[in-house]
Protein backbone atom coordinates (compact mmCIF):
# COMPACT_ATOMS: atom_id res chain seq x y z
CA MET A 1 103.53 116.65 125.70
CA ASN A 2 100.45 118.06 126.18
CA GLY A 3 98.89 114.70 125.81
CA ASP A 4 100.20 113.57 129.20
CA THR A 5 98.44 116.58 131.22
CA GLU A 6 95.03 116.15 129.16
CA PHE A 7 92.40 113.80 130.57
CA ASP A 8 90.57 111.21 128.11
CA SER A 9 86.94 111.50 128.25
CA THR A 10 86.65 107.70 128.72
CA ASP A 11 88.78 107.85 131.86
CA GLU A 12 86.49 110.31 133.49
CA GLU A 13 83.40 108.40 132.73
CA SER A 14 84.96 105.44 134.06
CA LEU A 15 85.79 107.21 137.43
CA ASP A 16 82.00 108.29 137.66
CA GLU A 17 80.83 104.82 137.29
CA LEU A 18 82.92 103.74 139.87
CA GLU A 19 82.28 106.42 142.65
CA PRO A 20 78.63 107.70 143.60
CA SER A 21 78.52 111.37 143.33
CA LYS A 22 78.72 113.48 146.76
CA SER A 23 74.97 114.26 146.34
CA GLN A 24 74.07 110.27 146.00
CA ARG A 25 76.32 109.59 149.32
CA LYS A 26 74.36 112.38 151.13
CA ARG A 27 71.17 110.81 150.45
CA ASP A 28 72.23 107.49 151.26
CA ALA A 29 73.54 108.59 154.55
CA LEU A 30 70.32 110.60 155.28
CA GLU A 31 68.31 107.37 154.42
CA VAL A 32 70.25 105.55 156.98
CA ARG A 33 70.09 108.02 159.52
CA VAL A 34 65.97 107.77 159.17
CA ILE A 35 66.38 104.29 159.55
CA ALA A 36 68.46 104.47 162.97
CA GLU A 37 65.87 107.04 164.17
CA ARG A 38 63.13 104.70 163.52
CA LEU A 39 65.05 101.88 165.53
CA THR A 40 65.71 104.25 168.58
CA GLN A 41 61.75 104.77 168.35
CA MET A 42 60.89 101.15 168.33
CA GLN A 43 59.93 98.88 171.29
CA ALA A 44 62.16 96.30 172.56
CA ARG A 45 60.36 93.25 171.35
CA LYS A 46 59.86 94.50 168.08
CA LEU A 47 63.94 95.16 168.05
CA ASP A 48 64.52 91.66 168.74
CA GLN A 49 62.80 90.74 165.72
CA LEU A 50 65.15 92.55 163.42
CA PRO A 51 68.61 91.20 162.32
CA LEU A 52 70.62 93.59 164.56
CA SER A 53 74.41 92.89 165.60
CA GLU A 54 74.82 93.21 169.23
CA GLN A 55 76.87 96.30 168.90
CA VAL A 56 73.79 98.06 167.07
CA ARG A 57 71.38 96.96 169.27
CA TYR A 58 73.34 98.20 172.42
CA ALA A 59 73.87 101.49 170.54
CA VAL A 60 70.11 101.71 170.00
CA ASP A 61 69.40 100.82 173.67
CA GLN A 62 71.96 103.42 174.84
CA CYS A 63 70.21 106.25 172.59
CA PRO A 64 69.03 109.35 175.03
CA PRO A 65 65.56 110.84 175.04
CA PRO A 66 64.68 113.39 172.40
CA ALA A 67 65.32 116.40 175.28
CA ALA A 68 69.19 115.58 175.11
CA ARG A 69 69.60 116.95 171.48
CA GLY A 70 73.57 117.08 171.39
CA ALA A 71 73.79 113.51 172.69
CA ARG A 72 70.92 112.08 170.84
CA LYS A 73 72.37 113.34 167.82
CA ARG A 74 75.85 111.95 168.09
CA GLN A 75 74.50 108.64 168.94
CA LEU A 76 72.21 108.67 165.84
CA GLN A 77 75.29 109.42 163.87
CA PHE A 78 77.02 106.47 165.63
CA ILE A 79 74.36 104.02 165.10
CA SER A 80 74.15 105.08 161.43
CA LYS A 81 77.85 104.59 161.17
CA LEU A 82 77.56 101.10 162.36
CA LEU A 83 74.28 100.27 160.45
CA ARG A 84 76.37 101.57 157.04
CA LYS A 85 78.96 98.91 158.23
CA SER A 86 76.06 96.03 158.78
CA ASP A 87 75.92 93.52 156.31
CA SER A 88 72.19 93.31 157.32
CA ILE A 89 70.98 96.85 156.41
CA ASP A 90 68.95 95.65 153.38
CA GLN A 91 67.19 93.17 155.69
CA ILE A 92 66.35 95.83 158.46
CA GLN A 93 65.16 98.13 155.74
CA GLN A 94 62.58 95.66 154.39
CA ARG A 95 61.42 94.68 157.64
CA LEU A 96 60.88 98.13 158.56
CA GLU A 97 59.06 99.01 155.10
CA ASN A 98 57.02 95.55 155.52
CA PRO A 99 56.58 94.91 159.24
CA ASP A 100 53.65 92.53 158.52
CA GLN A 101 55.36 90.25 155.97
CA PRO A 102 56.28 87.38 157.88
CA THR A 103 59.66 85.52 157.34
CA SER A 104 59.13 82.20 155.64
CA ASN A 105 58.59 79.14 158.06
CA LEU A 106 60.18 77.00 155.35
CA GLN A 107 63.40 78.91 155.55
CA HIS A 108 63.40 78.20 159.47
CA GLU A 109 62.63 74.84 158.84
CA THR A 110 65.36 74.55 156.06
CA MET A 111 67.89 76.27 158.60
CA CYS A 112 66.82 73.60 161.69
CA SER A 113 67.57 70.52 159.41
CA ASN A 114 70.94 71.96 158.24
CA LEU A 115 71.83 72.53 161.63
CA LEU A 116 70.71 69.18 162.58
CA ALA A 117 72.69 67.68 159.88
CA SER A 118 75.82 69.51 160.68
CA PHE A 119 75.98 72.34 162.97
CA ALA A 120 79.89 73.10 162.20
CA ASP A 121 79.10 73.33 158.48
CA HIS A 122 76.13 75.82 159.03
CA ALA A 123 77.13 78.23 161.92
CA ASP A 124 78.48 80.71 160.06
CA GLU A 125 75.14 81.09 157.97
CA LEU A 126 73.41 80.87 161.23
CA ARG A 127 75.38 83.80 162.50
CA GLN A 128 74.62 85.79 159.55
CA ASN A 129 70.98 85.01 159.10
CA TYR A 130 70.21 85.18 162.84
CA PRO A 131 72.45 87.73 164.16
CA GLY A 132 70.91 88.03 167.65
CA ILE A 133 70.43 84.56 168.54
CA ASN A 134 72.26 82.40 171.44
CA LEU A 135 74.72 80.08 169.77
CA GLN A 136 75.14 78.08 173.11
CA GLN A 137 71.22 77.54 173.33
CA VAL A 138 71.14 76.55 169.56
CA ARG A 139 74.50 74.02 170.25
CA GLN A 140 72.59 72.50 173.42
CA LEU A 141 69.31 71.89 171.32
CA VAL A 142 70.96 70.54 168.44
CA ARG A 143 72.96 67.94 170.69
CA ASN A 144 69.67 67.01 172.42
CA ALA A 145 68.09 66.48 168.93
CA ALA A 146 70.72 64.25 167.93
CA ASN A 147 70.50 61.99 171.26
CA GLU A 148 66.83 61.91 170.64
CA ALA A 149 67.18 60.93 167.00
CA SER A 150 69.42 58.30 168.06
CA LYS A 151 67.40 56.86 170.94
CA LYS A 152 64.43 56.66 168.43
CA SER A 153 66.51 55.16 165.42
CA LYS A 154 67.40 52.08 168.18
CA THR A 155 63.59 51.58 168.83
CA LEU A 156 62.62 51.64 165.36
CA ALA A 157 64.28 49.67 162.45
CA GLU A 158 67.81 50.79 161.68
CA ASP A 159 67.01 52.53 158.32
CA ALA A 160 63.98 54.31 159.49
CA VAL A 161 64.20 57.99 158.97
CA VAL A 162 63.20 60.15 162.25
CA ASP A 163 60.98 63.19 161.46
CA ILE A 164 62.48 66.44 163.12
CA ARG A 165 58.99 67.34 163.87
CA SER A 166 58.28 64.51 166.06
CA MET A 167 61.67 65.32 168.31
CA LYS A 168 60.98 67.77 171.21
CA SER A 169 64.80 69.46 170.84
CA ALA A 170 64.17 69.98 167.01
CA LYS A 171 60.71 71.52 167.79
CA ALA A 172 62.51 73.85 170.37
CA LEU A 173 65.15 74.82 167.86
CA LEU A 174 62.48 75.72 165.20
CA LYS A 175 60.61 77.99 167.55
CA LEU A 176 64.14 79.58 168.89
CA LEU A 177 65.15 80.18 164.72
CA SER A 178 61.27 81.56 164.39
CA ALA A 179 61.65 83.92 167.15
CA SER A 180 64.68 85.26 166.31
CA GLY A 181 63.60 86.42 162.81
CA GLY A 182 66.30 86.12 160.10
């Protein structure tokens, strides 16, 4: 009967592996808090380059000045909470640590080609990699690029491949993707 109330050491070890310690959770929360503080001190144009959700961006914009201590502290806690729920916290942290590291242009070109091939299939990927992008504008550019491609293919031979860099709308889409980061 004593066996029912005793803990097995292997069960205790498996519990430790599943949950981080309270100290580790506090360190993680402090790290996110520092990121939130840095975001509130950044200029708007630099914030636009980060993969922030609309909710996080709005909360950062609404953060009171340092003179309003209590309100600022509450807002920073709220921003930290939103960041912890965000999927892009690692990307944001990487961008803050290495601001001069450019995002690969190849990545933007690949996304552009994928969108031109099939917007519906890659819309979720677009939302995930470019959270602040205007989807309506992207759809319009994709539609215009498709129209340009069909016009060019009519003037060229039927089996000719149209280069996306030669299309005005595709160039505009690539520029939009590059400006949005991701």
